[in-house]
């Protein structure tokens, strides 16, 4: 999120000091801000594993699966039908070419529109995962990643959930790297089912890790805090992007990766101000793979606009492009009219099959939404509206996340609030579309999405703030899909005794794991 760096002239956000909210996290109030004096106050600061349902409720199964062998028409294999590895079903398997142009496609039938459960049997005898776009009727809905199976004769089945229409549907896997697809044996399809019975509960319970990611200084970065995490799981590794603040209170961004959360603390920190992203205020990253362009996007705030950089290799921090702005004409007028003494912060992108939406907050009780078409993304963000508002600015403060719940027509919105005790927490809503309408799910201090009162810690709690973070998604792409089963949320917390000004608070990153899954 949040506040601007201190490498130009600043004044304290005095309005924040007058607000009647208890403060226990900072001696400057619950959300003091610093802003550059030369900027107008209103804009001063601103995988087959994708969609995997590990446990499928029996209530979701309403018909026996239909098997579609990769070697039999109407299936199409752009490579060869081979039989040189044992263990396959039928008379062979699809061995696609080692290129991005190869694909495997199945034509499946559904008696009615609804959810289809896919079981894809494949083998990958290499140690490198082979990601692919999963297209349903021509639209990319997920970006699966076929992990190594140990040998070409070792076959595994992964389960996903997609929406299909009544009648004929095409299910297609397009590789995204020159390694191509794994060998694909068959596709099992169950149609006519409803979404898994294990959906989102009406209240949540979590267990928190201790601090997993802490500041790491080097010769040119004297880091005080790590915060605002964004995370994707890709090619067998977690890729984490975050904001940092230094001992002068200035913001920048950092990248690290690791294979398991037990390794997070030892991971190397790569500071993105040493890349084409450049120095100066950059914060609150949000990373995702935009499948239509086969390109990674890193979205972040610059203090006066939403910006993005792109790459084709998320694991190479030096490969990010120089930043571009989403809003070439600056802050939309509707935000200028409503932001008051707040700050334009925390940008979030999510797309459906037709449109991409850019959400943002203003620390003044408003959630904004702009849109463009998938074909035109990232250009043309327009039609900015107030998607949600609250007369109490603390109840709808900042850090919005919007997700698609796999196997359903449900979207989940969570948004950070400041509680009556001055501590940060998350509220939540659901809707049938990205544009709403939003209905309250767990949205109060007594029944929050995530707050200190529904989080269990081992030993003494290391934080009382559950603040800006991101869900570990089922996939990596622009649909922001999550499984409702066993949610995990990476968040920022801090020592409850910290009394520093906001830009100097000692944030660390931890991991919440849901303990009351309905799956």
Protein backbone atom coordinates (compact mmCIF):
# COMPACT_ATOMS: atom_id res chain seq x y z
CA UNK A 1 0.00 0.00 0.00
CA UNK A 2 0.59 2.99 0.71
CA UNK A 3 2.61 5.89 1.64
CA UNK A 4 5.04 7.81 -0.44
CA UNK A 5 8.81 7.76 0.00
CA UNK A 6 10.76 10.35 1.96
CA UNK A 7 13.23 11.35 -0.73
CA UNK A 8 11.37 14.63 -1.39
CA UNK A 9 9.82 17.17 0.99
CA UNK A 10 7.06 15.83 3.29
CA UNK A 11 4.48 16.91 5.78
CA UNK A 12 2.59 14.71 8.21
CA UNK A 13 -0.99 13.71 7.40
CA UNK A 14 -2.44 15.82 10.18
CA UNK A 15 -6.00 14.90 9.33
CA UNK A 16 -5.25 11.35 10.38
CA UNK A 17 -4.30 12.54 13.85
CA UNK A 18 -7.73 14.03 14.40
CA UNK A 19 -9.67 10.86 13.65
CA UNK A 20 -11.40 9.29 16.62
CA UNK A 21 -10.02 5.76 16.25
CA UNK A 22 -7.96 4.06 18.97
CA UNK A 23 -4.32 3.62 18.08
CA UNK A 24 -2.18 0.85 19.41
CA UNK A 25 -0.02 0.14 16.36
CA UNK A 26 1.56 3.55 15.93
CA UNK A 27 2.09 6.68 17.95
CA UNK A 28 0.91 8.71 14.95
CA UNK A 29 -2.56 7.16 14.82
CA UNK A 30 -3.79 3.98 13.13
CA UNK A 31 -2.88 5.03 9.59
CA UNK A 32 -0.63 8.11 9.49
CA UNK A 33 0.65 8.96 6.03
CA UNK A 34 3.51 11.00 4.65
CA UNK A 35 3.14 12.62 1.29
CA UNK A 36 5.24 14.72 -1.08
CA UNK A 37 4.47 18.43 -0.70
CA UNK A 38 4.60 19.03 -4.46
CA UNK A 39 1.77 16.55 -5.20
CA UNK A 40 -1.87 17.45 -4.73
CA UNK A 41 -3.12 15.90 -1.47
CA UNK A 42 -5.79 13.83 -3.16
CA UNK A 43 -3.16 11.95 -5.17
CA UNK A 44 -0.19 12.15 -2.86
CA UNK A 45 0.22 8.52 -1.92
CA UNK A 46 -1.00 6.28 -3.09
CA UNK A 47 -0.08 -25.73 -13.72
CA UNK A 48 -2.59 -28.50 -14.06
CA UNK A 49 -2.47 -27.42 -10.47
CA UNK A 50 -4.64 -24.46 -11.51
CA UNK A 51 -8.17 -25.00 -10.34
CA UNK A 52 -7.25 -28.35 -8.75
CA UNK A 53 -9.90 -29.71 -6.42
CA UNK A 54 -7.88 -32.02 -4.23
CA UNK A 55 -10.99 -33.34 -2.52
CA UNK A 56 -14.16 -33.66 -4.57
CA UNK A 57 -17.33 -34.03 -2.56
CA UNK A 58 -19.41 -37.05 -3.55
CA UNK A 59 -22.44 -34.79 -3.76
CA UNK A 60 -20.85 -33.15 -6.80
CA UNK A 61 -20.78 -36.42 -8.73
CA UNK A 62 -24.03 -36.95 -10.54
CA UNK A 63 -22.92 -39.07 -13.50
CA UNK A 64 -20.23 -41.63 -14.25
CA UNK A 65 -17.24 -40.10 -16.01
CA UNK A 66 -16.91 -40.36 -19.78
CA UNK A 67 -13.42 -41.24 -20.97
CA UNK A 68 -11.97 -39.53 -24.03
CA UNK A 69 -8.78 -41.26 -25.22
CA UNK A 70 -6.19 -38.90 -26.71
CA UNK A 71 -5.56 -41.27 -29.64
CA UNK A 72 -9.22 -41.56 -30.73
CA UNK A 73 -11.19 -39.08 -32.83
CA UNK A 74 -12.66 -36.54 -32.20
CA UNK A 75 -9.62 -35.93 -29.97
CA UNK A 76 -6.82 -34.11 -31.80
CA UNK A 77 -3.11 -34.51 -31.04
CA UNK A 78 -0.87 -32.08 -32.92
CA UNK A 79 2.08 -34.43 -32.38
CA UNK A 80 2.21 -38.20 -32.69
CA UNK A 81 0.27 -41.06 -31.14
CA UNK A 82 2.91 -43.19 -29.45
CA UNK A 83 2.98 -46.40 -27.43
CA UNK A 84 6.65 -46.69 -26.44
CA UNK A 85 6.06 -46.08 -22.70
CA UNK A 86 4.15 -48.61 -20.63
CA UNK A 87 1.15 -47.97 -18.42
CA UNK A 88 -1.04 -46.04 -20.85
CA UNK A 89 -4.74 -46.69 -21.44
CA UNK A 90 -6.23 -47.66 -24.80
CA UNK A 91 -3.93 -48.01 -27.80
CA UNK A 92 -1.54 -45.11 -27.17
CA UNK A 93 -1.04 -41.56 -25.93
CA UNK A 94 -0.52 -38.07 -27.34
CA UNK A 95 3.14 -37.03 -27.60
CA UNK A 96 3.07 -33.37 -28.60
CA UNK A 97 5.98 -31.54 -30.24
CA UNK A 98 8.48 -29.65 -28.10
CA UNK A 99 7.14 -26.24 -29.02
CA UNK A 100 4.46 -23.75 -28.08
CA UNK A 101 2.52 -24.61 -31.24
CA UNK A 102 1.59 -28.14 -30.22
CA UNK A 103 -1.66 -28.92 -28.46
CA UNK A 104 -4.04 -31.66 -27.33
CA UNK A 105 -7.77 -31.11 -27.82
CA UNK A 106 -10.85 -33.06 -26.78
CA UNK A 107 -14.47 -32.64 -27.87
CA UNK A 108 -16.81 -33.45 -24.97
CA UNK A 109 -20.58 -33.40 -24.61
CA UNK A 110 -22.62 -32.07 -21.71
CA UNK A 111 -26.32 -32.74 -21.21
CA UNK A 112 -26.74 -29.32 -19.61
CA UNK A 113 -24.73 -26.21 -18.87
CA UNK A 114 -22.90 -26.35 -15.55
CA UNK A 115 -19.73 -27.60 -13.93
CA UNK A 116 -17.60 -30.32 -15.50
CA UNK A 117 -15.00 -32.20 -13.48
CA UNK A 118 -11.95 -33.08 -15.58
CA UNK A 119 -9.49 -35.86 -14.82
CA UNK A 120 -6.38 -35.51 -16.99
CA UNK A 121 -3.96 -38.45 -17.04
CA UNK A 122 -0.43 -37.50 -18.06
CA UNK A 123 3.26 -38.34 -17.69
CA UNK A 124 6.21 -35.97 -17.57
CA UNK A 125 9.52 -37.75 -17.31
CA UNK A 126 11.51 -34.53 -16.87
CA UNK A 127 12.14 -32.49 -13.72
CA UNK A 128 10.75 -29.32 -15.32
CA UNK A 129 7.04 -28.57 -15.12
CA UNK A 130 5.30 -28.00 -18.45
CA UNK A 131 2.67 -25.23 -18.13
CA UNK A 132 -0.20 -24.89 -20.57
CA UNK A 133 -3.21 -22.74 -21.21
CA UNK A 134 -6.48 -24.59 -20.65
CA UNK A 135 -9.06 -23.37 -23.15
CA UNK A 136 -12.76 -24.17 -22.94
CA UNK A 137 -14.62 -23.36 -26.16
CA UNK A 138 -11.78 -21.11 -27.27
CA UNK A 139 -11.39 -19.08 -24.07
CA UNK A 140 -8.46 -19.52 -21.68
CA UNK A 141 -9.91 -20.32 -18.25
CA UNK A 142 -6.82 -21.51 -16.37
CA UNK A 143 -3.08 -21.93 -16.81
CA UNK A 144 -2.30 -25.46 -15.63
CA UNK A 145 1.22 -26.66 -14.94
CA UNK A 146 2.12 -30.31 -15.57
CA UNK A 147 4.74 -31.15 -12.95
CA UNK A 148 7.33 -33.88 -13.38
CA UNK A 149 6.05 -37.37 -12.57
CA UNK A 150 9.45 -39.02 -12.20
CA UNK A 151 9.39 -41.12 -15.38
CA UNK A 152 7.62 -41.23 -18.75
CA UNK A 153 6.01 -44.51 -17.68
CA UNK A 154 4.65 -42.97 -14.46
CA UNK A 155 1.14 -41.70 -15.11
CA UNK A 156 -0.81 -39.45 -12.75
CA UNK A 157 -4.29 -37.96 -12.88
CA UNK A 158 -5.09 -34.39 -11.88
CA UNK A 159 -8.61 -33.12 -11.23
CA UNK A 160 -9.91 -29.71 -12.26
CA UNK A 161 -13.28 -28.04 -12.47
CA UNK A 162 -14.50 -25.92 -15.43
CA UNK A 163 -17.77 -24.50 -16.65
CA UNK A 164 -19.26 -25.97 -19.83
CA UNK A 165 -22.28 -25.23 -21.99
CA UNK A 166 -25.01 -27.67 -22.97
CA UNK A 167 -24.01 -29.80 -25.97
CA UNK A 168 -20.57 -29.96 -27.57
CA UNK A 169 -17.53 -28.35 -25.90
CA UNK A 170 -13.86 -28.23 -26.84
CA UNK A 171 -11.28 -28.73 -24.09
CA UNK A 172 -7.82 -27.81 -25.29
CA UNK A 173 -4.33 -27.67 -23.74
CA UNK A 174 -1.87 -25.25 -25.37
CA UNK A 175 1.73 -25.36 -24.02
CA UNK A 176 3.23 -22.04 -23.01
CA UNK A 177 6.92 -22.99 -23.28
CA UNK A 178 9.15 -24.55 -25.91
CA UNK A 179 9.18 -27.78 -23.88
CA UNK A 180 5.64 -28.45 -25.07
CA UNK A 181 3.08 -30.61 -23.28
CA UNK A 182 3.68 -33.77 -21.26
CA UNK A 183 2.42 -37.02 -22.75
CA UNK A 184 -1.38 -37.06 -22.37
CA UNK A 185 -3.19 -40.39 -22.08
CA UNK A 186 -6.86 -39.47 -21.73
CA UNK A 187 -9.40 -37.02 -20.35
CA UNK A 188 -12.14 -38.23 -17.98
CA UNK A 189 -15.13 -35.89 -17.87
CA UNK A 190 -18.06 -35.77 -15.44
CA UNK A 191 -20.79 -33.33 -16.44
CA UNK A 192 -24.13 -32.30 -15.02
CA UNK A 193 -22.70 -31.85 -11.53
CA UNK A 194 -23.06 -28.92 -9.20
CA UNK A 195 -20.10 -27.15 -7.61
CA UNK A 196 -18.40 -29.07 -4.79
CA UNK A 197 -20.39 -29.13 -1.56
CA UNK A 198 -17.28 -27.89 0.21
CA UNK A 199 -17.70 -24.18 -0.54
CA UNK A 200 -16.96 -21.00 1.37
CA UNK A 201 -18.20 -21.13 4.97
CA UNK A 202 -20.16 -18.32 6.61
CA UNK A 203 -17.39 -17.88 9.18
CA UNK A 204 -13.67 -18.62 9.06
CA UNK A 205 -11.02 -20.02 11.36
CA UNK A 206 -7.29 -19.82 10.69
CA UNK A 207 -3.95 -20.94 12.06
CA UNK A 208 -0.97 -18.63 11.55
CA UNK A 209 2.66 -19.40 11.03
CA UNK A 210 5.27 -17.30 12.71
CA UNK A 211 7.06 -14.64 10.64
CA UNK A 212 8.34 -16.40 7.52
CA UNK A 213 9.85 -13.54 5.51
CA UNK A 214 11.77 -10.71 7.19
CA UNK A 215 13.91 -7.82 5.89
CA UNK A 216 17.32 -8.57 4.38
CA UNK A 217 19.60 -5.61 3.90
CA UNK A 218 22.53 -5.42 1.52
CA UNK A 219 25.18 -2.85 0.64
CA UNK A 220 22.65 -0.47 -0.94
CA UNK A 221 19.38 -1.43 0.82
CA UNK A 222 18.95 -0.86 4.55
CA UNK A 223 15.58 -2.57 4.90
CA UNK A 224 13.25 -2.06 7.84
CA UNK A 225 10.04 -3.85 6.74
CA UNK A 226 8.67 -6.34 4.20
CA UNK A 227 4.96 -5.95 3.42
CA UNK A 228 2.12 -6.06 0.83
CA UNK A 229 2.90 -9.56 -0.54
CA UNK A 230 1.72 -11.01 -3.86
CA UNK A 231 2.36 -14.70 -4.58
CA UNK A 232 1.96 -17.31 -7.32
CA UNK A 233 3.00 -20.97 -7.40
CA UNK A 234 4.63 -21.76 -10.75
CA UNK A 235 6.99 -24.48 -11.97
CA UNK A 236 7.26 -25.99 -8.50
CA UNK A 237 8.24 -22.76 -6.77
CA UNK A 238 6.51 -19.98 -4.85
CA UNK A 239 7.26 -16.58 -6.38
CA UNK A 240 6.75 -13.75 -3.87
CA UNK A 241 6.77 -10.02 -4.62
CA UNK A 242 6.47 -7.48 -1.82
CA UNK A 243 6.95 -3.86 -0.81
CA UNK A 244 9.86 -2.88 1.38
CA UNK A 245 10.55 0.20 3.47
CA UNK A 246 14.02 1.31 4.49
CA UNK A 247 15.33 3.16 7.51
CA UNK A 248 14.40 6.46 5.86
CA UNK A 249 10.79 5.30 5.40
CA UNK A 250 11.16 5.07 1.60
CA UNK A 251 9.35 2.37 -0.38
CA UNK A 252 10.59 -0.07 -3.01
CA UNK A 253 9.82 -3.66 -4.10
CA UNK A 254 11.54 -7.02 -3.67
CA UNK A 255 11.28 -10.49 -5.28
CA UNK A 256 12.17 -13.93 -3.91
CA UNK A 257 11.33 -17.57 -4.70
CA UNK A 258 11.53 -20.94 -2.95
CA UNK A 259 10.06 -24.44 -3.20
CA UNK A 260 8.58 -24.70 0.31
CA UNK A 261 7.53 -22.17 2.95
CA UNK A 262 10.09 -23.66 5.32
CA UNK A 263 12.72 -22.23 2.94
CA UNK A 264 11.19 -18.75 2.70
CA UNK A 265 13.41 -17.19 5.36
CA UNK A 266 16.60 -18.28 3.60
CA UNK A 267 15.57 -17.17 0.09
CA UNK A 268 17.64 -14.53 -1.69
CA UNK A 269 16.04 -11.07 -1.94
CA UNK A 270 16.22 -9.36 -5.33
CA UNK A 271 15.51 -5.62 -5.16
CA UNK A 272 13.51 -4.48 -8.17
CA UNK A 273 14.85 -0.92 -8.10
CA UNK A 274 17.98 -2.50 -9.61
CA UNK A 275 15.98 -3.55 -12.70
CA UNK A 276 14.26 -1.64 -15.50
CA UNK A 277 11.40 -1.01 -13.04
CA UNK A 278 13.74 1.60 -11.61
CA UNK A 279 14.24 3.55 -8.41
CA UNK A 280 11.71 5.81 -6.76
CA UNK A 281 8.40 5.08 -5.11
CA UNK A 282 6.98 1.71 -6.22
CA UNK A 283 4.80 -0.36 -3.90
CA UNK A 284 1.95 -2.85 -3.39
CA UNK A 285 2.76 -5.36 -6.17
CA UNK A 286 0.22 -7.76 -7.69
CA UNK A 287 1.57 -10.48 -10.00
CA UNK A 288 -0.27 -12.76 -12.46
CA UNK A 289 0.14 -14.50 -15.81
CA UNK A 290 -1.93 -12.94 -18.59
CA UNK A 291 -2.56 -16.07 -20.65
CA UNK A 292 -3.83 -14.40 -23.86
CA UNK A 293 -0.43 -12.72 -24.27
CA UNK A 294 1.64 -15.47 -22.61
CA UNK A 295 3.20 -12.80 -20.44
CA UNK A 296 3.56 -12.08 -16.73
CA UNK A 297 2.28 -8.78 -15.37
CA UNK A 298 3.44 -7.01 -12.22
CA UNK A 299 0.96 -4.29 -11.22
CA UNK A 300 1.94 -1.70 -8.61
CA UNK A 301 1.34 1.84 -7.42
CA UNK A 302 3.62 4.80 -8.08
CA UNK A 303 1.95 7.42 -5.88
CA UNK A 304 -0.04 9.09 -8.65
CA UNK A 305 -1.07 6.19 -10.93
CA UNK A 306 -1.43 2.45 -11.40
CA UNK A 307 1.56 1.02 -13.27
CA UNK A 308 2.64 -2.32 -14.71
CA UNK A 309 5.75 -4.08 -15.94
CA UNK A 310 5.87 -7.34 -17.90
CA UNK A 311 8.14 -10.32 -18.51
CA UNK A 312 8.06 -13.78 -20.07
CA UNK A 313 10.22 -15.23 -17.27
CA UNK A 314 8.94 -14.65 -13.76
CA UNK A 315 12.04 -16.29 -12.25
CA UNK A 316 14.39 -13.67 -13.77
CA UNK A 317 14.03 -10.40 -11.83
CA UNK A 318 16.20 -8.56 -14.37
CA UNK A 319 13.72 -9.31 -17.17
CA UNK A 320 10.93 -6.92 -16.11
CA UNK A 321 10.22 -4.06 -18.50
CA UNK A 322 10.18 -0.39 -17.63
CA UNK A 323 6.86 0.66 -16.03
CA UNK A 324 3.86 1.80 -18.06
CA UNK A 325 0.78 3.61 -16.72
CA UNK A 326 -2.75 2.22 -16.81
CA UNK A 327 -4.29 5.71 -16.76
CA UNK A 328 -2.47 7.99 -19.25
CA UNK A 329 -4.65 10.94 -18.20
CA UNK A 330 -4.07 10.41 -14.50
CA UNK A 331 -6.60 9.85 -11.75
CA UNK A 332 -10.18 9.38 -13.03
CA UNK A 333 -12.50 12.25 -12.13
CA UNK A 334 -14.82 10.09 -10.02
CA UNK A 335 -11.89 9.27 -7.73
CA UNK A 336 -10.86 12.93 -7.51
CA UNK A 337 -14.41 13.76 -6.48
CA UNK A 338 -14.52 11.20 -3.66
CA UNK A 339 -11.02 10.61 -2.34
CA UNK A 340 -11.09 13.49 0.13
CA UNK A 341 -7.94 13.38 2.27
CA UNK A 342 -7.30 9.75 1.38
CA UNK A 343 -4.75 8.13 -0.94
CA UNK A 344 -5.11 6.23 -4.22
CA UNK A 345 -3.70 2.80 -3.38
CA UNK A 346 -3.63 -0.97 -3.87
CA UNK A 347 -4.41 -1.90 -7.48
CA UNK A 348 -5.81 -5.33 -8.34
CA UNK A 349 -6.54 -6.90 -11.75
CA UNK A 350 -9.00 -9.73 -12.43
CA UNK A 351 -10.51 -10.84 -15.77
CA UNK A 352 -13.39 -12.97 -16.93
CA UNK A 353 -13.63 -14.35 -20.48
CA UNK A 354 -14.57 -10.94 -21.95
CA UNK A 355 -13.32 -8.11 -19.74
CA UNK A 356 -10.49 -7.20 -17.40
CA UNK A 357 -11.17 -5.08 -14.33
CA UNK A 358 -8.82 -2.89 -12.30
CA UNK A 359 -9.81 -2.31 -8.66
CA UNK A 360 -8.36 0.31 -6.30
CA UNK A 361 -9.02 1.89 -2.91
CA UNK A 362 -8.77 5.40 -1.50
CA UNK A 363 -8.44 5.08 2.32
CA UNK A 364 -11.71 7.01 2.39
CA UNK A 365 -14.38 4.30 2.30
CA UNK A 366 -14.51 3.71 -1.48
CA UNK A 367 -13.67 0.75 -3.68
CA UNK A 368 -13.26 1.72 -7.36
CA UNK A 369 -13.45 -0.42 -10.49
CA UNK A 370 -12.33 0.35 -14.06
CA UNK A 371 -12.58 -1.96 -17.07
CA UNK A 372 -11.28 -2.81 -20.52
CA UNK A 373 -11.66 -5.78 -22.84
CA UNK A 374 -9.42 -8.83 -22.62
CA UNK A 375 -8.36 -8.14 -26.21
CA UNK A 376 -7.37 -4.55 -25.38
CA UNK A 377 -5.70 -5.19 -22.00
CA UNK A 378 -3.75 -3.42 -20.53
CA UNK A 379 -4.93 -0.43 -22.56
CA UNK A 380 -8.25 1.36 -22.44
CA UNK A 381 -9.05 1.27 -18.72
CA UNK A 382 -12.23 3.34 -18.48
CA UNK A 383 -15.77 3.44 -17.08
CA UNK A 384 -14.47 3.92 -13.56
CA UNK A 385 -17.22 3.46 -10.96
CA UNK A 386 -17.59 3.16 -7.21
CA UNK A 387 -18.02 -0.59 -6.75
CA UNK A 388 -18.59 -0.36 -2.99
CA UNK A 389 -18.57 2.35 -0.34
CA UNK A 390 -18.94 2.78 3.41
CA UNK A 391 -19.62 5.98 5.32
CA UNK A 392 -17.13 4.75 7.92
CA UNK A 393 -13.84 4.99 6.04
CA UNK A 394 -12.14 2.56 8.42
CA UNK A 395 -14.54 -0.25 7.54
CA UNK A 396 -13.58 -0.07 3.84
CA UNK A 397 -10.01 1.14 3.98
CA UNK A 398 -7.64 -0.50 1.45
CA UNK A 399 -5.98 -3.68 0.04
CA UNK A 400 -8.82 -5.24 -2.01
CA UNK A 401 -8.55 -8.81 -3.34
CA UNK A 402 -11.09 -10.28 -5.80
CA UNK A 403 -11.05 -14.00 -6.65
CA UNK A 404 -13.00 -16.51 -8.73
CA UNK A 405 -14.00 -19.57 -6.66
CA UNK A 406 -13.20 -22.68 -8.71
CA UNK A 407 -16.08 -24.89 -9.78
CA UNK A 408 -18.71 -22.24 -9.11
CA UNK A 409 -20.13 -18.99 -10.39
CA UNK A 410 -19.01 -17.23 -7.22
CA UNK A 411 -16.54 -14.38 -6.79
CA UNK A 412 -14.98 -13.53 -3.42
CA UNK A 413 -14.04 -9.98 -2.42
CA UNK A 414 -11.97 -9.29 0.67
CA UNK A 415 -11.02 -5.80 1.80
CA UNK A 416 -8.88 -4.51 4.65
CA UNK A 417 -10.46 -2.54 7.48
CA UNK A 418 -9.26 -0.87 10.66
CA UNK A 419 -11.02 -2.18 13.76
CA UNK A 420 -12.30 -0.35 16.79
CA UNK A 421 -9.02 -1.31 18.52
CA UNK A 422 -6.93 0.27 15.74
CA UNK A 423 -5.82 -3.13 14.41
CA UNK A 424 -6.03 -4.23 10.77
CA UNK A 425 -8.36 -7.05 9.64
CA UNK A 426 -10.28 -8.30 6.57
CA UNK A 427 -13.96 -8.27 5.70
CA UNK A 428 -15.48 -10.38 2.89
CA UNK A 429 -18.35 -10.51 0.37
CA UNK A 430 -19.46 -12.79 -2.48
CA UNK A 431 -21.12 -12.09 -5.85
CA UNK A 432 -22.17 -13.96 -9.01
CA UNK A 433 -20.01 -11.68 -11.19
CA UNK A 434 -16.96 -9.43 -10.87
CA UNK A 435 -19.32 -6.47 -11.18
CA UNK A 436 -21.47 -7.69 -8.28
CA UNK A 437 -23.90 -7.36 -6.64
CA UNK A 438 -21.88 -8.06 -3.49
CA UNK A 439 -23.47 -9.81 -0.51
CA UNK A 440 -21.87 -9.84 2.94
CA UNK A 441 -20.14 -13.09 3.86
CA UNK A 442 -17.97 -12.55 6.95
CA UNK A 443 -17.74 -8.79 7.27
CA UNK A 444 -17.83 -7.72 10.94
CA UNK A 445 -15.29 -7.49 13.73
CA UNK A 446 -17.16 -10.26 15.56
CA UNK A 447 -17.33 -12.43 12.41
CA UNK A 448 -14.45 -11.33 10.16
CA UNK A 449 -12.82 -12.97 7.21
CA UNK A 450 -9.48 -12.77 9.04
CA UNK A 451 -8.76 -10.93 12.30
CA UNK A 452 -6.82 -11.65 15.45
CA UNK A 453 -9.98 -13.07 17.07
CA UNK A 454 -10.33 -15.91 14.51
CA UNK A 455 -6.62 -16.73 14.13
CA UNK A 456 -4.81 -19.25 16.34
CA UNK A 457 -1.07 -18.92 16.92
CA UNK A 458 1.37 -21.45 18.30
CA UNK A 459 2.67 -19.78 21.43
CA UNK A 460 2.50 -16.05 21.96
CA UNK A 461 0.86 -14.26 18.99
CA UNK A 462 3.53 -12.39 17.07
CA UNK A 463 1.01 -9.94 15.55
CA UNK A 464 -2.44 -8.54 16.30
CA UNK A 465 -2.76 -7.04 12.80
CA UNK A 466 -3.88 -9.23 9.88
CA UNK A 467 -3.05 -6.84 7.07
CA UNK A 468 -2.42 -6.49 3.31
CA UNK A 469 -1.80 -9.82 1.57
CA UNK A 470 -2.92 -12.31 -1.05
CA UNK A 471 -4.43 -15.80 -1.33
CA UNK A 472 -2.32 -18.65 -2.68
CA UNK A 473 -4.25 -19.23 -5.89
CA UNK A 474 -5.09 -22.50 -7.65
CA UNK A 475 -3.44 -21.18 -10.80
CA UNK A 476 -1.44 -18.22 -11.99
CA UNK A 477 -3.60 -16.54 -14.61
CA UNK A 478 -5.74 -13.43 -14.88
CA UNK A 479 -8.90 -15.19 -13.64
CA UNK A 480 -7.53 -15.14 -10.06
CA UNK A 481 -9.01 -18.57 -9.36
CA UNK A 482 -8.88 -20.11 -5.89
CA UNK A 483 -10.13 -23.40 -4.51
CA UNK A 484 -12.60 -23.12 -1.63
CA UNK A 485 -10.84 -26.06 0.02
CA UNK A 486 -8.19 -25.28 2.64
CA UNK A 487 -7.56 -21.62 1.89
CA UNK A 488 -4.10 -20.18 2.52
CA UNK A 489 -3.43 -16.46 2.78
CA UNK A 490 -0.03 -14.72 2.87
CA UNK A 491 -0.25 -11.53 4.94
CA UNK A 492 1.70 -8.83 6.72
CA UNK A 493 1.86 -8.63 10.51
CA UNK A 494 4.08 -6.96 13.07
CA UNK A 495 5.16 -6.88 16.70
CA UNK A 496 2.08 -5.74 18.70
CA UNK A 497 4.32 -3.50 20.79
CA UNK A 498 5.59 -1.46 17.83
CA UNK A 499 4.90 2.27 18.18
CA UNK A 500 6.71 3.63 15.12
CA UNK A 501 5.23 6.07 12.58
CA UNK A 502 3.45 4.15 9.83
CA UNK A 503 6.28 4.21 7.26
CA UNK A 504 8.66 2.75 9.86
CA UNK A 505 6.51 -0.06 11.29
CA UNK A 506 8.37 -3.43 11.37
CA UNK A 507 6.13 -5.50 9.08
CA UNK A 508 6.93 -9.16 8.41
CA UNK A 509 5.17 -11.78 6.25
CA UNK A 510 3.31 -14.80 7.61
CA UNK A 511 0.94 -17.47 6.31
CA UNK A 512 -2.65 -18.17 7.38
CA UNK A 513 -4.06 -21.67 6.80
CA UNK A 514 -7.80 -22.21 7.04
CA UNK A 515 -8.76 -24.74 9.74
CA UNK A 516 -12.52 -24.97 9.16
CA UNK A 517 -12.70 -25.99 5.50
CA UNK A 518 -16.07 -27.41 4.47
CA UNK A 519 -14.40 -29.79 1.99
